[in-house]
Amino acid sequence: MSNDLTVSPTVMINRIVAREATPPGAELARVAALRLRLEHAETEQQVRVAQFDPEAVTEPVTTGAEVDRLV
């Protein structure tokens, strides 16, 4: 298995769903819920950064390690 730093966010979310042993038929709903949590976490991170520097631009999540940290 590859390192979390080289894995895309989509693949990492799928790995998390597989690791949690989600019941058959519920995988798609779990993936959607994790994607939503990731989007909320990214938004919260942008708000926190903007409090200190309103002109700062946060980078989008690009690695599986960031997904693990945020979700």
C-alpha atoms as a PDB file:
ATOM      1  CA  MET A   1       0.000   0.000   0.000  1.00  0.00           C
ATOM      2  CA  SER A   2       1.283   3.472  -0.817  1.00  0.00           C
ATOM      3  CA  ASN A   3       2.122   6.258   1.559  1.00  0.00           C
ATOM      4  CA  ASP A   4      -0.719   8.615   2.619  1.00  0.00           C
ATOM      5  CA  LEU A   5       1.266  11.546   1.239  1.00  0.00           C
ATOM      6  CA  THR A   6       1.070  10.164  -2.300  1.00  0.00           C
ATOM      7  CA  VAL A   7      -2.602   9.190  -2.223  1.00  0.00           C
ATOM      8  CA  SER A   8      -5.297  11.459  -3.619  1.00  0.00           C
ATOM      9  CA  PRO A   9      -8.114  12.644  -1.341  1.00  0.00           C
ATOM     10  CA  THR A  10     -10.675  10.560  -3.231  1.00  0.00           C
ATOM     11  CA  VAL A  11      -8.661   7.364  -2.810  1.00  0.00           C
ATOM     12  CA  MET A  12      -8.056   8.122   0.873  1.00  0.00           C
ATOM     13  CA  ILE A  13     -11.776   8.563   1.514  1.00  0.00           C
ATOM     14  CA  ASN A  14     -12.434   5.221  -0.171  1.00  0.00           C
ATOM     15  CA  ARG A  15      -9.740   3.617   2.005  1.00  0.00           C
ATOM     16  CA  ILE A  16     -11.313   5.066   5.146  1.00  0.00           C
ATOM     17  CA  VAL A  17     -14.688   3.618   4.149  1.00  0.00           C
ATOM     18  CA  ALA A  18     -13.111   0.204   3.495  1.00  0.00           C
ATOM     19  CA  ARG A  19     -11.148   0.360   6.760  1.00  0.00           C
ATOM     20  CA  GLU A  20     -14.330   1.076   8.743  1.00  0.00           C
ATOM     21  CA  ALA A  21     -15.958  -2.084   7.353  1.00  0.00           C
ATOM     22  CA  THR A  22     -19.025  -0.170   6.186  1.00  0.00           C
ATOM     23  CA  PRO A  23     -21.965  -2.532   5.513  1.00  0.00           C
ATOM     24  CA  PRO A  24     -22.616  -3.431   1.865  1.00  0.00           C
ATOM     25  CA  GLY A  25     -24.975  -0.978   0.247  1.00  0.00           C
ATOM     26  CA  ALA A  26     -23.986   1.846   2.580  1.00  0.00           C
ATOM     27  CA  GLU A  27     -20.559   2.576   1.117  1.00  0.00           C
ATOM     28  CA  LEU A  28     -21.742   5.302  -1.244  1.00  0.00           C
ATOM     29  CA  ALA A  29     -23.590   7.123   1.536  1.00  0.00           C
ATOM     30  CA  ARG A  30     -20.508   6.903   3.785  1.00  0.00           C
ATOM     31  CA  VAL A  31     -18.270   8.264   1.002  1.00  0.00           C
ATOM     32  CA  ALA A  32     -20.695  11.158   0.499  1.00  0.00           C
ATOM     33  CA  ALA A  33     -20.752  11.875   4.242  1.00  0.00           C
ATOM     34  CA  LEU A  34     -16.951  11.904   4.430  1.00  0.00           C
ATOM     35  CA  ARG A  35     -16.702  14.171   1.371  1.00  0.00           C
ATOM     36  CA  LEU A  36     -19.126  16.565   3.058  1.00  0.00           C
ATOM     37  CA  ARG A  37     -17.098  16.489   6.296  1.00  0.00           C
ATOM     38  CA  LEU A  38     -13.961  17.201   4.268  1.00  0.00           C
ATOM     39  CA  GLU A  39     -15.610  20.181   2.560  1.00  0.00           C
ATOM     40  CA  HIS A  40     -16.776  21.542   5.930  1.00  0.00           C
ATOM     41  CA  ALA A  41     -13.308  21.081   7.415  1.00  0.00           C
ATOM     42  CA  GLU A  42     -11.732  22.900   4.462  1.00  0.00           C
ATOM     43  CA  THR A  43     -14.184  25.782   4.881  1.00  0.00           C
ATOM     44  CA  GLU A  44     -13.472  26.006   8.615  1.00  0.00           C
ATOM     45  CA  GLN A  45      -9.751  26.035   7.882  1.00  0.00           C
ATOM     46  CA  GLN A  46     -10.216  28.877   5.393  1.00  0.00           C
ATOM     47  CA  VAL A  47     -12.181  30.867   7.978  1.00  0.00           C
ATOM     48  CA  ARG A  48      -9.460  30.382  10.606  1.00  0.00           C
ATOM     49  CA  VAL A  49      -6.749  31.486   8.174  1.00  0.00           C
ATOM     50  CA  ALA A  50      -8.812  34.508   7.097  1.00  0.00           C
ATOM     51  CA  GLN A  51      -9.100  35.667  10.720  1.00  0.00           C
ATOM     52  CA  PHE A  52      -5.339  36.202  10.823  1.00  0.00           C
ATOM     53  CA  ASP A  53      -4.792  37.276   7.228  1.00  0.00           C
ATOM     54  CA  PRO A  54      -7.923  38.205   5.235  1.00  0.00           C
ATOM     55  CA  GLU A  55      -6.028  38.110   1.963  1.00  0.00           C
ATOM     56  CA  ALA A  56      -4.459  34.697   2.510  1.00  0.00           C
ATOM     57  CA  VAL A  57      -5.462  31.902   0.191  1.00  0.00           C
ATOM     58  CA  THR A  58      -5.525  28.369   1.563  1.00  0.00           C
ATOM     59  CA  GLU A  59      -4.409  25.533  -0.637  1.00  0.00           C
ATOM     60  CA  PRO A  60      -6.925  22.792  -1.459  1.00  0.00           C
ATOM     61  CA  VAL A  61      -6.506  19.358   0.068  1.00  0.00           C
ATOM     62  CA  THR A  62      -4.199  17.380  -2.191  1.00  0.00           C
ATOM     63  CA  THR A  63      -3.006  14.398  -0.155  1.00  0.00           C
ATOM     64  CA  GLY A  64      -4.497  11.519   1.778  1.00  0.00           C
ATOM     65  CA  ALA A  65      -2.633  12.644   4.886  1.00  0.00           C
ATOM     66  CA  GLU A  66      -4.549  15.929   4.860  1.00  0.00           C
ATOM     67  CA  VAL A  67      -7.808  13.995   4.510  1.00  0.00           C
ATOM     68  CA  ASP A  68      -6.880  11.904   7.546  1.00  0.00           C
ATOM     69  CA  ARG A  69      -6.091  15.072   9.502  1.00  0.00           C
ATOM     70  CA  LEU A  70      -9.275  16.913   8.535  1.00  0.00           C
ATOM     71  CA  VAL A  71     -11.768  14.051   8.572  1.00  0.00           C
END
